């Protein structure tokens, strides 16, 4: 294994996809900063505590120009305050812990299609 090689099991790409995150006390509309078939990283305008359970819905396009809504459940696994903005902003990582194999495949195909374009 070479130094600097990707250590993740599933490839991840930097892509901005529309994302809605729903929790018990909030609904947040944002976009991904990066995505894989097992998780997403995004910026939100409020603090969401680690281990918060969420429902995530994103819009993924495919090579045939169609768009697919993908819904799954996840848990916030990392929160970082972004001090470079005037308003409070937080970068959060969501691990998809309840996602169908079909939806995992859709995201995986999206990642592969767009990874080859980099």
Protein backbone atom coordinates (compact mmCIF):
# COMPACT_ATOMS: atom_id res chain seq x y z
CA UNK A 1 0.00 0.00 0.00
CA UNK A 2 1.33 3.41 -0.95
CA UNK A 3 1.36 6.43 1.32
CA UNK A 4 -1.51 8.84 0.73
CA UNK A 5 -3.71 6.16 -0.82
CA UNK A 6 -7.44 6.17 -0.14
CA UNK A 7 -8.09 4.13 3.01
CA UNK A 8 -11.87 4.18 2.81
CA UNK A 9 -13.69 1.02 1.84
CA UNK A 10 -16.09 2.95 -0.43
CA UNK A 11 -14.95 5.70 -2.84
CA UNK A 12 -15.98 9.25 -2.02
CA UNK A 13 -16.21 12.25 -4.35
CA UNK A 14 -16.54 15.98 -3.80
CA UNK A 15 -19.96 16.74 -5.29
CA UNK A 16 -22.70 19.18 -4.32
CA UNK A 17 -26.00 17.32 -4.22
CA UNK A 18 -29.23 18.76 -2.79
CA UNK A 19 -29.70 17.27 0.69
CA UNK A 20 -32.49 17.46 3.25
CA UNK A 21 -31.70 16.36 6.80
CA UNK A 22 -34.55 15.74 9.23
CA UNK A 23 -34.18 15.20 12.95
CA UNK A 24 -36.58 15.25 15.84
CA UNK A 25 -36.38 19.03 16.29
CA UNK A 26 -35.20 20.26 12.88
CA UNK A 27 -35.39 20.14 9.09
CA UNK A 28 -32.29 21.41 7.29
CA UNK A 29 -31.96 21.92 3.54
CA UNK A 30 -28.34 22.02 2.40
CA UNK A 31 -26.05 20.26 -0.08
CA UNK A 32 -23.34 17.68 0.22
CA UNK A 33 -19.67 18.64 0.11
CA UNK A 34 -18.76 15.03 -0.57
CA UNK A 35 -20.61 11.75 -0.81
CA UNK A 36 -20.08 7.99 -0.76
CA UNK A 37 -22.55 5.13 -0.63
CA UNK A 38 -22.10 4.97 3.15
CA UNK A 39 -22.14 8.63 4.13
CA UNK A 40 -22.16 12.33 3.35
CA UNK A 41 -20.34 15.44 4.51
CA UNK A 42 -22.17 18.77 4.46
CA UNK A 43 -22.43 22.24 6.00
CA UNK A 44 -25.39 23.23 8.18
CA UNK A 45 -26.42 26.45 9.90
CA UNK A 46 -26.98 25.02 13.38
CA UNK A 47 -25.26 22.70 15.80
CA UNK A 48 -26.29 19.06 15.44
CA UNK A 49 -24.87 16.91 18.23
CA UNK A 50 -22.79 13.82 17.46
CA UNK A 51 -24.85 10.60 17.54
CA UNK A 52 -28.01 12.47 16.48
CA UNK A 53 -30.19 10.16 14.37
CA UNK A 54 -31.36 11.74 11.13
CA UNK A 55 -33.28 10.98 7.97
CA UNK A 56 -31.42 12.09 4.85
CA UNK A 57 -32.96 12.63 1.42
CA UNK A 58 -30.78 13.59 -1.54
CA UNK A 59 -31.31 14.10 -5.24
CA UNK A 60 -28.88 12.11 -7.39
CA UNK A 61 -28.66 12.42 -11.17
CA UNK A 62 -27.71 9.52 -13.40
CA UNK A 63 -26.06 9.17 -16.80
CA UNK A 64 -29.46 8.94 -18.51
CA UNK A 65 -30.25 12.50 -17.26
CA UNK A 66 -32.86 11.24 -14.80
CA UNK A 67 -32.93 12.29 -11.16
CA UNK A 68 -33.57 9.96 -8.25
CA UNK A 69 -34.56 10.81 -4.70
CA UNK A 70 -32.61 8.66 -2.30
CA UNK A 71 -33.78 8.42 1.29
CA UNK A 72 -32.02 6.70 4.15
CA UNK A 73 -31.40 7.00 7.86
CA UNK A 74 -28.11 7.94 9.36
CA UNK A 75 -26.27 9.17 12.40
CA UNK A 76 -24.07 12.25 12.79
CA UNK A 77 -20.56 10.97 13.44
CA UNK A 78 -18.54 14.22 13.32
CA UNK A 79 -19.24 17.92 13.91
CA UNK A 80 -16.77 20.73 13.20
CA UNK A 81 -17.51 24.41 13.83
CA UNK A 82 -16.58 26.55 10.83
CA UNK A 83 -15.18 29.80 12.22
CA UNK A 84 -14.56 31.32 8.77
CA UNK A 85 -18.13 32.61 8.38
CA UNK A 86 -20.11 35.50 9.87
CA UNK A 87 -23.09 33.28 10.73
CA UNK A 88 -22.69 30.05 12.74
CA UNK A 89 -21.86 27.19 10.37
CA UNK A 90 -21.00 23.58 11.13
CA UNK A 91 -19.57 20.85 8.94
CA UNK A 92 -21.11 17.49 9.78
CA UNK A 93 -20.43 13.93 8.66
CA UNK A 94 -23.38 11.57 8.44
CA UNK A 95 -22.94 7.80 8.38
CA UNK A 96 -25.78 6.02 6.59
CA UNK A 97 -26.67 3.21 8.98
CA UNK A 98 -30.03 2.32 7.40
CA UNK A 99 -29.84 2.42 3.61
CA UNK A 100 -31.29 -0.06 1.13
CA UNK A 101 -28.95 -1.99 -1.14
CA UNK A 102 -30.73 -0.39 -4.12
CA UNK A 103 -30.01 3.12 -2.83
CA UNK A 104 -26.41 2.20 -1.98
CA UNK A 105 -26.03 0.99 -5.57
CA UNK A 106 -27.49 4.23 -6.98
CA UNK A 107 -25.02 6.33 -4.99
CA UNK A 108 -22.15 3.98 -5.85
CA UNK A 109 -22.95 4.27 -9.58
CA UNK A 110 -23.14 8.06 -9.27
CA UNK A 111 -19.75 8.16 -7.52
CA UNK A 112 -18.16 5.90 -10.15
CA UNK A 113 -19.61 7.91 -13.06
CA UNK A 114 -18.38 11.20 -11.66
CA UNK A 115 -15.06 9.87 -10.33
CA UNK A 116 -14.06 8.94 -13.88
CA UNK A 117 -14.73 12.54 -14.97
CA UNK A 118 -12.18 13.99 -12.51
